[in-house]
N, C-alpha and C. Protein backbone atom coordinates (compact mmCIF):
# COMPACT_ATOMS: atom_id res chain seq x y z
N MET A 1 0.87 -1.20 0.04
CA MET A 1 0.03 0.04 0.01
C MET A 1 0.95 1.25 0.00
N ILE A 2 0.59 2.22 -0.83
CA ILE A 2 1.30 3.47 -0.88
C ILE A 2 0.32 4.58 -0.45
N GLN A 3 0.86 5.46 0.38
CA GLN A 3 0.17 6.67 0.91
C GLN A 3 0.73 7.86 0.18
N HIS A 4 -0.19 8.65 -0.43
CA HIS A 4 0.15 9.84 -1.14
C HIS A 4 -0.42 11.05 -0.40
N ILE A 5 0.43 11.95 0.04
CA ILE A 5 -0.05 13.16 0.81
C ILE A 5 0.36 14.39 0.06
N VAL A 6 -0.64 15.32 -0.13
CA VAL A 6 -0.37 16.52 -0.78
C VAL A 6 -0.82 17.66 0.10
N ALA A 7 -0.01 18.55 0.50
CA ALA A 7 -0.39 19.74 1.34
C ALA A 7 -0.38 20.91 0.37
N PHE A 8 -1.39 21.72 0.49
CA PHE A 8 -1.54 22.91 -0.39
C PHE A 8 -1.52 24.20 0.45
N ARG A 9 -0.79 25.12 -0.05
CA ARG A 9 -0.85 26.53 0.44
C ARG A 9 -1.58 27.28 -0.65
N LEU A 10 -2.70 27.88 -0.27
CA LEU A 10 -3.51 28.52 -1.31
C LEU A 10 -3.01 30.00 -1.56
N SER A 11 -3.35 30.57 -2.73
CA SER A 11 -2.76 31.79 -3.14
C SER A 11 -3.56 33.02 -2.65
N GLY A 12 -4.68 32.80 -2.03
CA GLY A 12 -5.48 33.99 -1.57
C GLY A 12 -4.71 34.84 -0.60
N THR A 13 -5.08 36.09 -0.66
CA THR A 13 -4.35 37.09 0.23
C THR A 13 -5.08 37.44 1.51
N ASP A 14 -6.33 37.02 1.61
CA ASP A 14 -7.03 37.20 2.89
C ASP A 14 -7.89 35.98 3.23
N ILE A 15 -8.44 35.93 4.41
CA ILE A 15 -9.08 34.68 4.94
C ILE A 15 -10.28 34.40 4.05
N GLU A 16 -11.08 35.34 3.62
CA GLU A 16 -12.23 35.03 2.83
C GLU A 16 -11.90 34.44 1.50
N GLU A 17 -10.88 35.01 0.84
CA GLU A 17 -10.42 34.43 -0.41
C GLU A 17 -9.90 32.97 -0.27
N LYS A 18 -9.12 32.75 0.82
CA LYS A 18 -8.62 31.41 1.10
C LYS A 18 -9.77 30.45 1.37
N ARG A 19 -10.82 30.81 2.02
CA ARG A 19 -11.96 29.99 2.29
C ARG A 19 -12.70 29.68 1.00
N ARG A 20 -12.84 30.66 0.11
CA ARG A 20 -13.46 30.39 -1.17
C ARG A 20 -12.60 29.40 -2.01
N GLN A 21 -11.31 29.67 -2.07
CA GLN A 21 -10.39 28.78 -2.80
C GLN A 21 -10.43 27.42 -2.21
N SER A 22 -10.44 27.26 -0.87
CA SER A 22 -10.45 25.93 -0.22
C SER A 22 -11.70 25.20 -0.60
N SER A 23 -12.84 25.86 -0.61
CA SER A 23 -14.11 25.13 -0.98
C SER A 23 -14.11 24.66 -2.48
N LEU A 24 -13.60 25.55 -3.29
CA LEU A 24 -13.48 25.22 -4.72
C LEU A 24 -12.48 24.04 -4.89
N ALA A 25 -11.36 24.13 -4.29
CA ALA A 25 -10.37 23.02 -4.41
C ALA A 25 -10.83 21.73 -3.83
N GLN A 26 -11.56 21.73 -2.69
CA GLN A 26 -12.05 20.60 -2.12
C GLN A 26 -13.09 19.87 -3.05
N ALA A 27 -13.88 20.72 -3.62
CA ALA A 27 -14.97 20.16 -4.52
C ALA A 27 -14.26 19.43 -5.70
N GLU A 28 -13.24 20.06 -6.24
CA GLU A 28 -12.50 19.49 -7.36
C GLU A 28 -11.80 18.18 -6.94
N LEU A 29 -11.04 18.19 -5.86
CA LEU A 29 -10.34 17.10 -5.43
C LEU A 29 -11.21 15.85 -5.10
N ARG A 30 -12.36 16.19 -4.61
CA ARG A 30 -13.30 15.04 -4.25
C ARG A 30 -13.86 14.36 -5.53
N LYS A 31 -13.67 15.00 -6.68
CA LYS A 31 -14.01 14.30 -7.96
C LYS A 31 -13.15 13.04 -8.15
N LEU A 32 -12.07 12.98 -7.46
CA LEU A 32 -11.11 11.85 -7.55
C LEU A 32 -11.51 10.67 -6.62
N ASP A 33 -12.64 10.69 -6.10
CA ASP A 33 -13.15 9.69 -5.16
C ASP A 33 -12.93 8.30 -5.61
N THR A 34 -12.86 7.41 -4.75
CA THR A 34 -12.50 6.01 -5.04
C THR A 34 -13.51 5.42 -6.05
N GLY A 35 -13.11 4.48 -6.81
CA GLY A 35 -13.94 3.76 -7.76
C GLY A 35 -13.88 4.36 -9.17
N ARG A 36 -13.23 5.57 -9.26
CA ARG A 36 -13.15 6.25 -10.53
C ARG A 36 -11.75 6.00 -11.18
N ILE A 37 -10.74 5.69 -10.42
CA ILE A 37 -9.42 5.50 -10.89
C ILE A 37 -8.95 4.16 -10.38
N PRO A 38 -8.52 3.22 -11.21
CA PRO A 38 -8.06 1.91 -10.79
C PRO A 38 -6.94 2.00 -9.75
N GLY A 39 -7.01 1.19 -8.71
CA GLY A 39 -5.97 1.09 -7.73
C GLY A 39 -6.03 2.12 -6.63
N LEU A 40 -6.92 3.11 -6.76
CA LEU A 40 -7.19 4.14 -5.71
C LEU A 40 -8.06 3.49 -4.60
N VAL A 41 -7.57 3.30 -3.42
CA VAL A 41 -8.23 2.56 -2.38
C VAL A 41 -9.15 3.63 -1.49
N ASP A 42 -8.45 4.76 -1.19
CA ASP A 42 -9.08 5.68 -0.32
C ASP A 42 -8.51 7.12 -0.58
N LEU A 43 -9.45 8.11 -0.48
CA LEU A 43 -9.00 9.50 -0.72
C LEU A 43 -9.77 10.43 0.28
N ARG A 44 -9.05 11.25 0.94
CA ARG A 44 -9.62 12.19 1.84
C ARG A 44 -9.06 13.55 1.59
N VAL A 45 -9.90 14.59 1.68
CA VAL A 45 -9.45 15.93 1.56
C VAL A 45 -10.01 16.75 2.75
N ARG A 46 -9.02 17.43 3.45
CA ARG A 46 -9.43 18.20 4.64
C ARG A 46 -8.76 19.53 4.67
N PRO A 47 -9.52 20.55 5.05
CA PRO A 47 -8.93 21.87 5.26
C PRO A 47 -8.31 21.98 6.74
N ASP A 48 -7.33 22.90 6.76
CA ASP A 48 -6.75 23.13 8.10
C ASP A 48 -7.80 23.93 8.93
N LEU A 49 -7.65 23.94 10.26
CA LEU A 49 -8.61 24.61 11.09
C LEU A 49 -8.46 26.08 11.00
N GLY A 50 -7.37 26.59 10.41
CA GLY A 50 -7.22 28.07 10.21
C GLY A 50 -6.78 28.81 11.40
N LYS A 51 -6.26 28.12 12.40
CA LYS A 51 -5.92 28.81 13.74
C LYS A 51 -4.52 29.33 13.70
N VAL A 52 -3.65 28.76 12.85
CA VAL A 52 -2.21 29.19 12.84
C VAL A 52 -1.80 29.62 11.41
N ALA A 53 -1.38 30.82 11.24
CA ALA A 53 -1.11 31.40 9.95
C ALA A 53 -0.07 30.64 9.16
N ALA A 54 0.88 30.04 9.83
CA ALA A 54 2.03 29.27 9.24
C ALA A 54 1.54 27.93 8.64
N HIS A 55 0.40 27.44 9.09
CA HIS A 55 -0.02 26.12 8.57
C HIS A 55 -0.36 26.19 7.12
N TRP A 56 -0.28 25.00 6.48
CA TRP A 56 -0.81 24.87 5.16
C TRP A 56 -2.31 24.85 5.19
N ASP A 57 -2.95 25.11 4.07
CA ASP A 57 -4.36 25.37 4.09
C ASP A 57 -5.25 24.14 3.85
N LEU A 58 -4.72 23.11 3.15
CA LEU A 58 -5.55 22.06 2.70
C LEU A 58 -4.62 20.82 2.47
N VAL A 59 -5.15 19.61 2.79
CA VAL A 59 -4.39 18.41 2.58
C VAL A 59 -5.24 17.36 1.91
N LEU A 60 -4.58 16.62 0.98
CA LEU A 60 -5.23 15.41 0.38
C LEU A 60 -4.41 14.25 0.83
N VAL A 61 -4.99 13.18 1.27
CA VAL A 61 -4.37 11.99 1.68
C VAL A 61 -5.04 10.84 0.89
N SER A 62 -4.30 10.06 0.11
CA SER A 62 -4.90 8.96 -0.62
C SER A 62 -4.00 7.78 -0.45
N HIS A 63 -4.66 6.58 -0.62
CA HIS A 63 -3.98 5.34 -0.50
C HIS A 63 -4.16 4.55 -1.78
N HIS A 64 -3.12 3.92 -2.24
CA HIS A 64 -3.08 3.22 -3.52
C HIS A 64 -2.57 1.79 -3.32
N GLU A 65 -3.09 0.88 -4.11
CA GLU A 65 -2.71 -0.52 -3.97
C GLU A 65 -1.25 -0.78 -4.10
N SER A 66 -0.54 -0.02 -4.94
CA SER A 66 0.86 -0.27 -5.21
C SER A 66 1.41 0.98 -5.80
N GLU A 67 2.73 0.92 -6.04
CA GLU A 67 3.41 2.02 -6.72
C GLU A 67 2.86 2.17 -8.19
N ALA A 68 2.63 1.04 -8.83
CA ALA A 68 2.09 1.04 -10.16
C ALA A 68 0.69 1.72 -10.14
N ALA A 69 -0.06 1.49 -9.05
CA ALA A 69 -1.42 2.10 -9.00
C ALA A 69 -1.29 3.60 -8.76
N LEU A 70 -0.30 4.05 -8.05
CA LEU A 70 -0.05 5.48 -7.82
C LEU A 70 0.36 6.11 -9.16
N GLU A 71 1.17 5.44 -9.95
CA GLU A 71 1.54 5.95 -11.27
C GLU A 71 0.34 6.03 -12.19
N THR A 72 -0.55 4.98 -12.14
CA THR A 72 -1.81 5.06 -12.90
C THR A 72 -2.60 6.32 -12.53
N TYR A 73 -2.78 6.54 -11.22
CA TYR A 73 -3.50 7.68 -10.68
C TYR A 73 -2.90 8.96 -11.15
N MET A 74 -1.57 9.13 -11.09
CA MET A 74 -0.90 10.36 -11.48
C MET A 74 -1.09 10.69 -12.97
N GLU A 75 -1.23 9.64 -13.76
CA GLU A 75 -1.30 9.84 -15.23
C GLU A 75 -2.73 9.78 -15.71
N HIS A 76 -3.66 9.47 -14.85
CA HIS A 76 -5.13 9.36 -15.25
C HIS A 76 -5.67 10.69 -15.71
N PRO A 77 -6.47 10.70 -16.81
CA PRO A 77 -6.99 11.92 -17.26
C PRO A 77 -7.85 12.73 -16.21
N LEU A 78 -8.57 12.02 -15.39
CA LEU A 78 -9.37 12.74 -14.36
C LEU A 78 -8.44 13.49 -13.38
N HIS A 79 -7.42 12.75 -12.91
CA HIS A 79 -6.43 13.39 -12.05
C HIS A 79 -5.80 14.62 -12.70
N LEU A 80 -5.43 14.52 -13.98
CA LEU A 80 -4.76 15.62 -14.64
C LEU A 80 -5.73 16.81 -14.78
N ALA A 81 -6.97 16.52 -15.07
CA ALA A 81 -7.92 17.59 -15.17
C ALA A 81 -8.22 18.27 -13.89
N VAL A 82 -8.35 17.50 -12.78
CA VAL A 82 -8.50 18.08 -11.47
C VAL A 82 -7.30 18.89 -11.02
N ALA A 83 -6.15 18.35 -11.30
CA ALA A 83 -4.93 19.06 -10.89
C ALA A 83 -4.79 20.45 -11.60
N ARG A 84 -5.19 20.49 -12.89
CA ARG A 84 -5.21 21.79 -13.64
C ARG A 84 -6.18 22.74 -12.94
N GLU A 85 -7.38 22.30 -12.60
CA GLU A 85 -8.31 23.19 -12.00
C GLU A 85 -7.90 23.68 -10.61
N VAL A 86 -7.28 22.80 -9.78
CA VAL A 86 -6.85 23.20 -8.42
C VAL A 86 -5.63 24.09 -8.47
N ALA A 87 -4.78 23.90 -9.48
CA ALA A 87 -3.50 24.70 -9.59
C ALA A 87 -3.75 26.12 -9.59
N VAL A 88 -4.84 26.65 -10.20
CA VAL A 88 -5.08 28.09 -10.25
C VAL A 88 -5.23 28.73 -8.85
N HIS A 89 -5.50 27.88 -7.88
CA HIS A 89 -5.72 28.44 -6.45
C HIS A 89 -4.51 28.15 -5.58
N VAL A 90 -3.47 27.54 -6.12
CA VAL A 90 -2.36 27.07 -5.26
C VAL A 90 -1.12 27.91 -5.43
N ALA A 91 -0.52 28.38 -4.35
CA ALA A 91 0.74 29.08 -4.35
C ALA A 91 1.87 28.16 -4.26
N GLU A 92 1.76 27.11 -3.34
CA GLU A 92 2.71 26.02 -3.14
C GLU A 92 2.05 24.73 -2.80
N LYS A 93 2.79 23.69 -3.10
CA LYS A 93 2.36 22.38 -2.66
C LYS A 93 3.54 21.55 -2.18
N ALA A 94 3.30 20.65 -1.27
CA ALA A 94 4.34 19.72 -0.81
C ALA A 94 3.75 18.35 -0.93
N ILE A 95 4.58 17.44 -1.38
CA ILE A 95 4.04 16.05 -1.63
C ILE A 95 5.03 15.07 -1.06
N ILE A 96 4.46 14.02 -0.42
CA ILE A 96 5.23 12.87 0.03
C ILE A 96 4.52 11.61 -0.31
N ASP A 97 5.17 10.61 -0.78
CA ASP A 97 4.63 9.27 -1.03
C ASP A 97 5.43 8.31 -0.21
N SER A 98 4.69 7.46 0.53
CA SER A 98 5.41 6.48 1.45
C SER A 98 4.71 5.19 1.46
N ARG A 99 5.42 4.15 1.83
CA ARG A 99 4.77 2.82 2.03
C ARG A 99 4.10 2.82 3.41
N VAL A 100 2.90 2.14 3.34
CA VAL A 100 2.12 2.06 4.58
C VAL A 100 2.12 0.61 5.06
């Protein structure tokens, strides 16, 4: 099992803009829900509580059957389309893939 974690720092300059971006990004990312991409076992998207300015704004955590399944996910047309839509709201992202 491979765990894929992506933390997003949104590009909004005030709290209201970041909330709007977070809602839009969450809706897009949830389109990747399980059953739509082979080998994707679980996917969760969660916003930060917003209590600490230095925290990242949003995180995606997904689990994949194998490294090959993660590669399939990364190259899948749905993932690529969602990534393009989310990218317009993102200033930075940090990614880690690990074995579970």
